[in-house]
């Protein structure tokens, strides 16, 4: 049986798997503009420290509608 610590380490490694990493916020914003997607936002990843572009959570979108 795996330890909880080992499981958490493996989970951290998988969080950013397959995502494009941008070292700066400006780099992520430029990539967003080039992609043409309107519904993605750059965010700082708590696992790797780089910036990724991703969809906004539904709870945030719903809060913006009200």
N, C-alpha and C. Protein backbone atom coordinates (compact mmCIF):
# COMPACT_ATOMS: atom_id res chain seq x y z
N UNK A 1 0.84 -1.18 0.00
CA UNK A 1 0.00 0.00 0.00
C UNK A 1 0.89 1.25 0.00
N UNK A 2 0.53 2.20 -0.83
CA UNK A 2 1.32 3.43 -0.95
C UNK A 2 1.01 4.38 0.20
N UNK A 3 2.03 5.15 0.54
CA UNK A 3 1.83 6.14 1.61
C UNK A 3 1.08 7.35 1.06
N UNK A 4 0.47 8.10 1.96
CA UNK A 4 -0.25 9.31 1.54
C UNK A 4 0.72 10.33 0.96
N UNK A 5 1.91 10.39 1.52
CA UNK A 5 2.91 11.34 1.02
C UNK A 5 3.30 10.99 -0.42
N UNK A 6 3.50 9.71 -0.69
CA UNK A 6 3.84 9.28 -2.04
C UNK A 6 2.74 9.56 -3.04
N UNK A 7 1.50 9.34 -2.62
CA UNK A 7 0.36 9.62 -3.49
C UNK A 7 0.28 11.11 -3.83
N UNK A 8 0.53 11.95 -2.84
CA UNK A 8 0.47 13.40 -3.05
C UNK A 8 1.57 13.85 -4.01
N UNK A 9 2.76 13.27 -3.89
CA UNK A 9 3.85 13.63 -4.80
C UNK A 9 3.52 13.26 -6.23
N UNK A 10 2.96 12.08 -6.43
CA UNK A 10 2.60 11.65 -7.78
C UNK A 10 1.47 12.51 -8.34
N UNK A 11 0.55 12.93 -7.48
CA UNK A 11 -0.54 13.78 -7.92
C UNK A 11 -0.01 15.12 -8.39
N UNK A 12 0.96 15.67 -7.67
CA UNK A 12 1.55 16.95 -8.06
C UNK A 12 2.18 16.86 -9.44
N UNK A 13 2.86 15.76 -9.71
CA UNK A 13 3.53 15.59 -11.00
C UNK A 13 2.50 15.50 -12.12
N UNK A 14 1.34 14.94 -11.87
CA UNK A 14 0.33 14.76 -12.91
C UNK A 14 -0.51 16.01 -13.15
N UNK A 15 -0.53 16.96 -12.25
CA UNK A 15 -1.36 18.15 -12.41
C UNK A 15 -0.99 18.93 -13.67
N UNK A 16 0.27 19.01 -14.00
CA UNK A 16 0.73 19.84 -15.12
C UNK A 16 1.10 19.02 -16.35
N UNK A 17 0.84 17.74 -16.32
CA UNK A 17 1.20 16.87 -17.43
C UNK A 17 0.40 17.25 -18.68
N UNK A 18 1.09 17.52 -19.77
CA UNK A 18 0.43 17.86 -21.02
C UNK A 18 0.06 19.32 -21.17
N UNK A 19 0.31 20.14 -20.19
CA UNK A 19 -0.02 21.56 -20.27
C UNK A 19 1.21 22.35 -20.72
N UNK A 20 0.97 23.43 -21.43
CA UNK A 20 2.06 24.31 -21.86
C UNK A 20 2.40 25.21 -20.68
N UNK A 21 3.69 25.28 -20.36
CA UNK A 21 4.13 26.12 -19.24
C UNK A 21 4.70 27.42 -19.77
N UNK A 22 4.23 28.52 -19.20
CA UNK A 22 4.72 29.85 -19.56
C UNK A 22 5.41 30.44 -18.33
N UNK A 23 6.66 30.90 -18.47
CA UNK A 23 7.38 31.42 -17.31
C UNK A 23 6.83 32.74 -16.78
N UNK A 24 6.16 33.52 -17.65
CA UNK A 24 5.65 34.81 -17.21
C UNK A 24 4.16 34.93 -17.55
N UNK A 25 3.49 35.83 -16.85
CA UNK A 25 2.08 36.09 -17.11
C UNK A 25 1.90 36.69 -18.51
N UNK A 26 2.82 37.56 -18.90
CA UNK A 26 2.74 38.16 -20.23
C UNK A 26 2.84 37.10 -21.33
N UNK A 27 3.70 36.12 -21.13
CA UNK A 27 3.83 35.04 -22.10
C UNK A 27 2.55 34.24 -22.23
N UNK A 28 1.87 34.01 -21.12
CA UNK A 28 0.61 33.28 -21.14
C UNK A 28 -0.48 34.10 -21.82
N UNK A 29 -0.47 35.41 -21.61
CA UNK A 29 -1.47 36.27 -22.26
C UNK A 29 -1.26 36.31 -23.77
N UNK A 30 -0.01 36.35 -24.20
CA UNK A 30 0.29 36.35 -25.63
C UNK A 30 -0.16 35.04 -26.26
N UNK A 31 0.09 33.93 -25.60
CA UNK A 31 -0.33 32.63 -26.11
C UNK A 31 -1.85 32.55 -26.18
N UNK A 32 -2.54 33.15 -25.23
CA UNK A 32 -4.01 33.17 -25.25
C UNK A 32 -4.51 33.93 -26.46
N UNK A 33 -3.92 35.09 -26.72
CA UNK A 33 -4.34 35.89 -27.87
C UNK A 33 -4.10 35.15 -29.19
N UNK A 34 -2.96 34.47 -29.28
CA UNK A 34 -2.63 33.74 -30.51
C UNK A 34 -3.54 32.54 -30.72
N UNK A 35 -4.02 31.95 -29.64
CA UNK A 35 -4.87 30.77 -29.78
C UNK A 35 -6.27 31.13 -30.27
N UNK A 36 -6.73 32.33 -29.98
CA UNK A 36 -8.04 32.76 -30.43
C UNK A 36 -9.19 32.35 -29.52
N UNK A 37 -8.90 31.67 -28.43
CA UNK A 37 -9.95 31.25 -27.49
C UNK A 37 -10.31 32.43 -26.59
N UNK A 38 -11.60 32.68 -26.46
CA UNK A 38 -12.04 33.80 -25.62
C UNK A 38 -12.31 33.38 -24.19
N UNK A 39 -12.61 32.10 -23.98
CA UNK A 39 -13.05 31.67 -22.66
C UNK A 39 -11.94 31.05 -21.81
N UNK A 40 -10.69 31.27 -22.17
CA UNK A 40 -9.58 30.78 -21.35
C UNK A 40 -8.90 31.95 -20.67
N UNK A 41 -8.35 31.69 -19.51
CA UNK A 41 -7.67 32.73 -18.73
C UNK A 41 -6.33 32.19 -18.26
N UNK A 42 -5.29 33.02 -18.25
CA UNK A 42 -4.02 32.57 -17.69
C UNK A 42 -4.11 32.54 -16.16
N UNK A 43 -3.48 31.51 -15.58
CA UNK A 43 -3.46 31.40 -14.12
C UNK A 43 -2.12 30.83 -13.69
N UNK A 44 -1.73 31.15 -12.47
CA UNK A 44 -0.48 30.65 -11.91
C UNK A 44 -0.75 29.30 -11.26
N UNK A 45 0.02 28.31 -11.63
CA UNK A 45 -0.15 26.95 -11.13
C UNK A 45 0.49 26.83 -9.75
N UNK A 46 -0.27 26.31 -8.80
CA UNK A 46 0.28 26.16 -7.45
C UNK A 46 1.22 24.96 -7.35
N UNK A 47 1.21 24.09 -8.36
CA UNK A 47 2.06 22.90 -8.31
C UNK A 47 3.45 23.15 -8.87
N UNK A 48 3.52 23.84 -10.02
CA UNK A 48 4.82 24.02 -10.67
C UNK A 48 5.33 25.46 -10.61
N UNK A 49 4.44 26.43 -10.34
CA UNK A 49 4.86 27.83 -10.26
C UNK A 49 4.84 28.56 -11.59
N UNK A 50 4.60 27.85 -12.69
CA UNK A 50 4.52 28.49 -14.00
C UNK A 50 3.08 28.92 -14.26
N UNK A 51 2.87 29.57 -15.41
CA UNK A 51 1.53 29.99 -15.81
C UNK A 51 0.99 29.05 -16.87
N UNK A 52 -0.29 28.75 -16.80
CA UNK A 52 -1.00 27.94 -17.79
C UNK A 52 -2.21 28.73 -18.25
N UNK A 53 -2.77 28.36 -19.39
CA UNK A 53 -4.04 28.91 -19.85
C UNK A 53 -5.10 27.84 -19.67
N UNK A 54 -6.21 28.21 -19.06
CA UNK A 54 -7.26 27.23 -18.83
C UNK A 54 -8.62 27.89 -18.76
N UNK A 55 -9.64 27.04 -18.81
CA UNK A 55 -11.01 27.52 -18.73
C UNK A 55 -11.31 27.99 -17.30
N UNK A 56 -12.17 28.97 -17.21
CA UNK A 56 -12.57 29.48 -15.90
C UNK A 56 -13.55 28.51 -15.25
N UNK A 57 -13.48 28.35 -13.94
CA UNK A 57 -14.43 27.47 -13.25
C UNK A 57 -15.87 27.98 -13.41
N UNK A 58 -16.81 27.06 -13.43
CA UNK A 58 -18.22 27.42 -13.62
C UNK A 58 -18.72 28.35 -12.54
N UNK A 59 -18.26 28.14 -11.31
CA UNK A 59 -18.74 29.00 -10.22
C UNK A 59 -18.33 30.45 -10.45
N UNK A 60 -17.17 30.67 -11.06
CA UNK A 60 -16.72 32.02 -11.37
C UNK A 60 -17.57 32.60 -12.51
N UNK A 61 -17.83 31.79 -13.54
CA UNK A 61 -18.64 32.26 -14.64
C UNK A 61 -20.06 32.61 -14.20
N UNK A 62 -20.63 31.79 -13.33
CA UNK A 62 -21.97 32.06 -12.83
C UNK A 62 -22.00 33.34 -11.98
N UNK A 63 -20.95 33.56 -11.22
CA UNK A 63 -20.90 34.77 -10.40
C UNK A 63 -20.80 36.03 -11.28
N UNK A 64 -20.14 35.89 -12.43
CA UNK A 64 -20.00 37.03 -13.34
C UNK A 64 -21.33 37.35 -14.03
N UNK A 65 -22.17 36.34 -14.22
CA UNK A 65 -23.47 36.55 -14.89
C UNK A 65 -24.43 37.33 -14.03
N UNK A 66 -24.33 37.18 -12.73
CA UNK A 66 -25.30 37.82 -11.82
C UNK A 66 -25.06 39.28 -11.70
